C-alpha atoms as a PDB file:
ATOM      1  CA  MET A   1     -22.161 170.437 450.947  1.00  0.00           C
ATOM      2  CA  LEU A   2     -24.820 171.859 448.750  1.00  0.00           C
ATOM      3  CA  GLY A   3     -26.871 172.741 451.918  1.00  0.00           C
ATOM      4  CA  LEU A   4     -23.880 174.858 453.389  1.00  0.00           C
ATOM      5  CA  VAL A   5     -23.295 176.744 450.380  1.00  0.00           C
ATOM      6  CA  GLN A   6     -26.898 177.531 449.769  1.00  0.00           C
ATOM      7  CA  SER A   7     -26.971 178.829 453.100  1.00  0.00           C
ATOM      8  CA  ARG A   8     -24.489 181.580 452.516  1.00  0.00           C
ATOM      9  CA  PRO A   9     -25.362 184.465 450.168  1.00  0.00           C
ATOM     10  CA  ALA A  10     -25.015 184.659 446.696  1.00  0.00           C
ATOM     11  CA  GLY A  11     -21.600 185.625 445.901  1.00  0.00           C
ATOM     12  CA  TRP A  12     -19.995 183.668 448.636  1.00  0.00           C
ATOM     13  CA  VAL A  13     -16.547 182.524 447.617  1.00  0.00           C
ATOM     14  CA  PHE A  14     -14.965 179.452 449.122  1.00  0.00           C
ATOM     15  CA  THR A  15     -12.418 176.887 448.708  1.00  0.00           C
ATOM     16  CA  PRO A  16     -12.381 173.152 449.314  1.00  0.00           C
ATOM     17  CA  ALA A  17     -10.764 173.872 452.811  1.00  0.00           C
ATOM     18  CA  ASP A  18     -13.954 175.458 453.878  1.00  0.00           C
ATOM     19  CA  LEU A  19     -15.749 172.307 453.337  1.00  0.00           C
ATOM     20  CA  SER A  20     -13.082 170.139 454.896  1.00  0.00           C
ATOM     21  CA  ASP A  21     -15.271 168.909 457.984  1.00  0.00           C
ATOM     22  CA  LEU A  22     -18.123 167.639 455.695  1.00  0.00           C
ATOM     23  CA  GLY A  23     -16.298 164.549 454.263  1.00  0.00           C
ATOM     24  CA  SER A  24     -12.674 163.214 452.791  1.00  0.00           C
ATOM     25  CA  ARG A  25     -10.683 165.458 450.290  1.00  0.00           C
ATOM     26  CA  ASN A  26     -12.004 163.284 447.493  1.00  0.00           C
ATOM     27  CA  ALA A  27     -15.487 163.254 448.479  1.00  0.00           C
ATOM     28  CA  VAL A  28     -15.380 167.101 448.734  1.00  0.00           C
ATOM     29  CA  ALA A  29     -13.742 167.077 445.224  1.00  0.00           C
ATOM     30  CA  ALA A  30     -16.305 164.928 443.750  1.00  0.00           C
ATOM     31  CA  ALA A  31     -19.178 166.873 445.119  1.00  0.00           C
ATOM     32  CA  LEU A  32     -17.407 170.163 443.870  1.00  0.00           C
ATOM     33  CA  LYS A  33     -17.398 168.313 440.426  1.00  0.00           C
ATOM     34  CA  ARG A  34     -20.981 167.281 440.547  1.00  0.00           C
ATOM     35  CA  HIS A  35     -22.303 170.740 441.546  1.00  0.00           C
ATOM     36  CA  LYS A  36     -20.080 172.775 439.229  1.00  0.00           C
ATOM     37  CA  LYS A  37     -21.215 170.502 436.435  1.00  0.00           C
ATOM     38  CA  ALA A  38     -24.996 171.197 437.356  1.00  0.00           C
ATOM     39  CA  GLY A  39     -24.475 174.743 437.623  1.00  0.00           C
ATOM     40  CA  LEU A  40     -25.031 175.409 441.100  1.00  0.00           C
ATOM     41  CA  ILE A  41     -21.505 176.674 441.868  1.00  0.00           C
ATOM     42  CA  ARG A  42     -18.619 178.013 439.549  1.00  0.00           C
ATOM     43  CA  GLN A  43     -15.125 177.694 439.704  1.00  0.00           C
ATOM     44  CA  ILE A  44     -13.694 181.070 439.386  1.00  0.00           C
ATOM     45  CA  ALA A  45     -10.028 180.259 439.869  1.00  0.00           C
ATOM     46  CA  ARG A  46      -7.704 177.126 440.595  1.00  0.00           C
ATOM     47  CA  GLY A  47      -9.136 176.070 444.258  1.00  0.00           C
ATOM     48  CA  PHE A  48     -11.608 178.703 444.442  1.00  0.00           C
ATOM     49  CA  TYR A  49     -15.447 178.623 443.993  1.00  0.00           C
ATOM     50  CA  ASP A  50     -18.450 180.758 444.347  1.00  0.00           C
ATOM     51  CA  ARG A  51     -22.010 180.684 444.667  1.00  0.00           C
ATOM     52  CA  PRO A  52     -22.925 183.043 441.431  1.00  0.00           C
ATOM     53  CA  ARG A  53     -24.820 186.241 441.698  1.00  0.00           C
ATOM     54  CA  ASN A  54     -27.495 186.619 439.156  1.00  0.00           C
ATOM     55  CA  HIS A  55     -28.687 190.039 438.020  1.00  0.00           C
ATOM     56  CA  PRO A  56     -32.005 190.337 436.118  1.00  0.00           C
ATOM     57  CA  GLN A  57     -30.517 192.635 433.686  1.00  0.00           C
ATOM     58  CA  PHE A  58     -27.049 191.316 433.273  1.00  0.00           C
ATOM     59  CA  GLY A  59     -27.467 187.894 434.144  1.00  0.00           C
ATOM     60  CA  VAL A  60     -24.569 186.116 435.990  1.00  0.00           C
ATOM     61  CA  LEU A  61     -22.045 188.747 437.630  1.00  0.00           C
ATOM     62  CA  ALA A  62     -18.182 188.550 437.994  1.00  0.00           C
ATOM     63  CA  PRO A  63     -17.109 187.291 441.216  1.00  0.00           C
ATOM     64  CA  ASP A  64     -16.823 189.373 444.200  1.00  0.00           C
ATOM     65  CA  LEU A  65     -13.200 190.489 444.952  1.00  0.00           C
ATOM     66  CA  LYS A  66     -13.917 191.303 448.481  1.00  0.00           C
ATOM     67  CA  GLU A  67     -15.343 187.677 449.032  1.00  0.00           C
ATOM     68  CA  VAL A  68     -12.201 186.230 447.126  1.00  0.00           C
ATOM     69  CA  GLU A  69      -9.894 188.342 449.611  1.00  0.00           C
ATOM     70  CA  GLN A  70     -11.802 186.676 452.203  1.00  0.00           C
ATOM     71  CA  ALA A  71     -11.587 183.339 451.134  1.00  0.00           C
ATOM     72  CA  LEU A  72      -7.661 183.741 450.516  1.00  0.00           C
ATOM     73  CA  LYS A  73      -7.313 184.698 453.989  1.00  0.00           C
ATOM     74  CA  ARG A  74      -9.230 181.916 455.571  1.00  0.00           C
ATOM     75  CA  ARG A  75      -7.688 179.363 453.539  1.00  0.00           C
ATOM     76  CA  ASP A  76      -3.996 180.467 454.063  1.00  0.00           C
ATOM     77  CA  ALA A  77      -4.351 182.079 457.355  1.00  0.00           C
ATOM     78  CA  ILE A  78      -2.731 185.208 456.268  1.00  0.00           C
ATOM     79  CA  ARG A  79      -3.397 188.870 456.240  1.00  0.00           C
ATOM     80  CA  LEU A  80      -3.941 191.000 453.180  1.00  0.00           C
ATOM     81  CA  GLN A  81      -3.828 194.560 452.608  1.00  0.00           C
ATOM     82  CA  PRO A  82      -5.065 196.215 449.398  1.00  0.00           C
ATOM     83  CA  THR A  83      -3.029 198.488 447.645  1.00  0.00           C
ATOM     84  CA  GLY A  84      -2.662 201.049 444.618  1.00  0.00           C
ATOM     85  CA  THR A  85      -5.784 201.940 442.646  1.00  0.00           C
ATOM     86  CA  TYR A  86      -7.916 199.388 444.521  1.00  0.00           C
ATOM     87  CA  ALA A  87      -7.311 200.668 447.875  1.00  0.00           C
ATOM     88  CA  ALA A  88      -8.135 204.418 446.433  1.00  0.00           C
ATOM     89  CA  ASN A  89     -11.021 202.648 444.929  1.00  0.00           C
ATOM     90  CA  LEU A  90     -12.417 201.328 447.938  1.00  0.00           C
ATOM     91  CA  LEU A  91     -12.350 204.565 449.492  1.00  0.00           C
ATOM     92  CA  HIS A  92     -14.142 206.484 446.659  1.00  0.00           C
ATOM     93  CA  LEU A  93     -10.927 208.434 446.026  1.00  0.00           C
ATOM     94  CA  SER A  94     -10.939 206.933 442.371  1.00  0.00           C
ATOM     95  CA  THR A  95     -13.301 205.385 439.934  1.00  0.00           C
ATOM     96  CA  GLN A  96     -10.825 203.240 438.170  1.00  0.00           C
ATOM     97  CA  VAL A  97     -11.631 199.483 438.761  1.00  0.00           C
ATOM     98  CA  PRO A  98      -8.179 197.904 438.377  1.00  0.00           C
ATOM     99  CA  VAL A  99      -7.652 194.770 436.376  1.00  0.00           C
ATOM    100  CA  ARG A 100      -4.415 194.234 438.427  1.00  0.00           C
ATOM    101  CA  ILE A 101      -4.820 194.043 442.201  1.00  0.00           C
ATOM    102  CA  VAL A 102      -1.764 193.916 444.341  1.00  0.00           C
ATOM    103  CA  TYR A 103      -2.274 192.935 447.878  1.00  0.00           C
ATOM    104  CA  LEU A 104       0.511 193.309 450.598  1.00  0.00           C
ATOM    105  CA  THR A 105       0.680 190.191 452.677  1.00  0.00           C
ATOM    106  CA  ASP A 106       2.338 188.317 455.323  1.00  0.00           C
ATOM    107  CA  GLY A 107       2.120 185.131 453.285  1.00  0.00           C
ATOM    108  CA  PRO A 108       4.097 183.913 450.327  1.00  0.00           C
ATOM    109  CA  THR A 109       4.281 185.883 446.883  1.00  0.00           C
ATOM    110  CA  ARG A 110       2.097 184.421 444.579  1.00  0.00           C
ATOM    111  CA  ARG A 111      -0.368 185.266 441.744  1.00  0.00           C
ATOM    112  CA  LEU A 112      -3.949 184.320 440.906  1.00  0.00           C
ATOM    113  CA  ARG A 113      -6.310 185.053 438.300  1.00  0.00           C
ATOM    114  CA  VAL A 114     -10.120 185.576 438.714  1.00  0.00           C
ATOM    115  CA  GLY A 115     -12.100 186.079 435.659  1.00  0.00           C
ATOM    116  CA  LYS A 116     -10.267 188.894 433.885  1.00  0.00           C
ATOM    117  CA  THR A 117      -8.567 190.319 437.125  1.00  0.00           C
ATOM    118  CA  HIS A 118      -5.129 189.496 437.940  1.00  0.00           C
ATOM    119  CA  ILE A 119      -4.347 189.095 441.678  1.00  0.00           C
ATOM    120  CA  ILE A 120      -1.008 189.574 443.069  1.00  0.00           C
ATOM    121  CA  LEU A 121       0.080 188.781 446.608  1.00  0.00           C
ATOM    122  CA  ARG A 122       3.424 190.498 447.739  1.00  0.00           C
ATOM    123  CA  ARG A 123       5.263 189.690 450.772  1.00  0.00           C
ATOM    124  CA  THR A 124       6.261 192.659 452.635  1.00  0.00           C
ATOM    125  CA  THR A 125       7.645 193.684 456.215  1.00  0.00           C
ATOM    126  CA  PRO A 126       6.141 193.398 459.253  1.00  0.00           C
ATOM    127  CA  ARG A 127       5.891 197.214 459.550  1.00  0.00           C
ATOM    128  CA  ASN A 128       3.854 197.432 456.513  1.00  0.00           C
ATOM    129  CA  MET A 129       1.502 194.924 457.545  1.00  0.00           C
ATOM    130  CA  ALA A 130       0.846 196.546 461.059  1.00  0.00           C
ATOM    131  CA  THR A 131      -2.338 198.298 459.655  1.00  0.00           C
ATOM    132  CA  ALA A 132      -3.189 195.545 457.418  1.00  0.00           C
ATOM    133  CA  GLY A 133      -7.040 194.940 457.085  1.00  0.00           C
ATOM    134  CA  THR A 134      -8.005 198.320 458.563  1.00  0.00           C
ATOM    135  CA  ALA A 135      -9.389 201.630 457.154  1.00  0.00           C
ATOM    136  CA  SER A 136      -5.734 203.068 458.239  1.00  0.00           C
ATOM    137  CA  GLY A 137      -4.117 200.494 456.027  1.00  0.00           C
ATOM    138  CA  LEU A 138      -6.259 201.535 453.072  1.00  0.00           C
ATOM    139  CA  VAL A 139      -5.741 205.055 453.592  1.00  0.00           C
ATOM    140  CA  ILE A 140      -1.907 204.619 453.686  1.00  0.00           C
ATOM    141  CA  GLN A 141      -1.974 202.588 450.581  1.00  0.00           C
ATOM    142  CA  ALA A 142      -4.397 204.927 448.439  1.00  0.00           C
ATOM    143  CA  LEU A 143      -2.312 207.955 449.666  1.00  0.00           C
ATOM    144  CA  ARG A 144       0.926 206.106 448.788  1.00  0.00           C
ATOM    145  CA  TRP A 145      -0.846 205.585 445.210  1.00  0.00           C
ATOM    146  CA  LEU A 146      -1.935 209.063 444.685  1.00  0.00           C
ATOM    147  CA  GLY A 147       1.680 210.357 445.467  1.00  0.00           C
ATOM    148  CA  LYS A 148       3.215 213.113 447.679  1.00  0.00           C
ATOM    149  CA  LYS A 149       3.040 215.821 444.835  1.00  0.00           C
ATOM    150  CA  SER A 150      -0.733 215.473 444.286  1.00  0.00           C
ATOM    151  CA  ASP A 151      -3.378 218.036 445.460  1.00  0.00           C
ATOM    152  CA  HIS A 152      -4.657 216.455 448.575  1.00  0.00           C
ATOM    153  CA  SER A 153      -7.204 219.251 449.663  1.00  0.00           C
ATOM    154  CA  SER A 154     -10.156 217.378 447.883  1.00  0.00           C
ATOM    155  CA  THR A 155      -8.938 214.135 449.360  1.00  0.00           C
ATOM    156  CA  ILE A 156      -9.004 215.028 453.073  1.00  0.00           C
ATOM    157  CA  PRO A 157     -12.938 215.659 452.809  1.00  0.00           C
ATOM    158  CA  LEU A 158     -13.501 212.539 450.684  1.00  0.00           C
ATOM    159  CA  LEU A 159     -11.637 210.440 453.314  1.00  0.00           C
ATOM    160  CA  ARG A 160     -13.780 211.908 456.113  1.00  0.00           C
ATOM    161  CA  LYS A 161     -16.703 211.308 454.410  1.00  0.00           C
ATOM    162  CA  ALA A 162     -16.019 207.546 453.504  1.00  0.00           C
ATOM    163  CA  LEU A 163     -14.437 206.792 456.867  1.00  0.00           C
ATOM    164  CA  SER A 164     -16.507 205.738 460.098  1.00  0.00           C
ATOM    165  CA  VAL A 165     -15.733 207.961 463.354  1.00  0.00           C
ATOM    166  CA  ASP A 166     -14.105 205.153 464.932  1.00  0.00           C
ATOM    167  CA  ASP A 167     -11.871 204.570 461.793  1.00  0.00           C
ATOM    168  CA  LEU A 168     -11.125 208.545 461.735  1.00  0.00           C
ATOM    169  CA  HIS A 169     -10.095 208.659 465.485  1.00  0.00           C
ATOM    170  CA  ARG A 170      -7.898 205.445 464.830  1.00  0.00           C
ATOM    171  CA  LEU A 171      -6.012 207.329 461.992  1.00  0.00           C
ATOM    172  CA  ALA A 172      -3.978 209.709 464.394  1.00  0.00           C
ATOM    173  CA  SER A 173      -2.895 206.913 466.347  1.00  0.00           C
ATOM    174  CA  ASP A 174      -2.023 204.603 463.001  1.00  0.00           C
ATOM    175  CA  ALA A 175      -0.007 207.395 461.597  1.00  0.00           C
ATOM    176  CA  ARG A 176       3.370 206.269 463.330  1.00  0.00           C
ATOM    177  CA  TYR A 177       3.291 203.450 460.709  1.00  0.00           C
ATOM    178  CA  ALA A 178       3.254 205.808 457.686  1.00  0.00           C
ATOM    179  CA  PRO A 179       5.720 207.755 455.950  1.00  0.00           C
ATOM    180  CA  ALA A 180       5.933 211.442 457.475  1.00  0.00           C
ATOM    181  CA  TRP A 181       4.056 213.180 454.266  1.00  0.00           C
ATOM    182  CA  ILE A 182       1.169 210.346 454.901  1.00  0.00           C
ATOM    183  CA  ALA A 183       1.216 210.561 458.601  1.00  0.00           C
ATOM    184  CA  THR A 184       0.616 214.364 458.185  1.00  0.00           C
ATOM    185  CA  ILE A 185      -2.098 213.869 456.145  1.00  0.00           C
ATOM    186  CA  MET A 186      -3.665 211.097 458.472  1.00  0.00           C
ATOM    187  CA  ARG A 187      -3.479 213.562 461.583  1.00  0.00           C
ATOM    188  CA  GLU A 188      -5.158 216.102 459.527  1.00  0.00           C
ATOM    189  CA  VAL A 189      -8.136 213.892 458.395  1.00  0.00           C
ATOM    190  CA  SER A 190      -8.398 212.875 461.897  1.00  0.00           C
ATOM    191  CA  THR A 191      -8.854 216.477 462.977  1.00  0.00           C
ATOM    192  CA  ASN A 192     -12.368 217.658 463.391  1.00  0.00           C
ATOM    193  CA  SER A 193     -13.482 214.193 462.785  1.00  0.00           C
ATOM    194  CA  GLU A 194     -16.331 215.111 465.020  1.00  0.00           C
ATOM    195  CA  ALA A 195     -17.809 217.381 462.000  1.00  0.00           C
ATOM    196  CA  PRO A 196     -20.873 216.218 460.548  1.00  0.00           C
ATOM    197  CA  LYS A 197     -19.889 213.934 457.681  1.00  0.00           C
END
């Protein structure tokens, strides 16, 4: 088991389900306990572990939230869509780092605490999950957080800079899944997407 964990990059987040082909449930649990006690892995939440990242100046870093998201998706076979401040932060539209992250999901509603961060999975409709896990999904949720009444004149160039050419092209077709005011902005962002970024 340790070989598999050490073959992954520092910061990799995993659950016992990721190790299920390496032995029985009890054997995996015993190995996790042993390696945790030795400091080779860290338990970051109930049922979630990581291979800690170390920084020469700051020491052991907080768990990587993108890795937590991937581990959740693998374990529960669900889709997740970041919302609110977190979606805006991922697109560089906000410098706020939230301590409460809400994901839309097609799985059950639940809560999880990772370090100081509270993660909330909120079950939603298939329409809201149509763009889950894509740049379009992030854009829809970030714009929803910024609000209809915000001045989006600075948002449009920031989105053009943050997204790949492929993502920019996809925005126009994915606009059908967004409220009308967001769809208008998405089409505007995708217009002139050939312009230098």
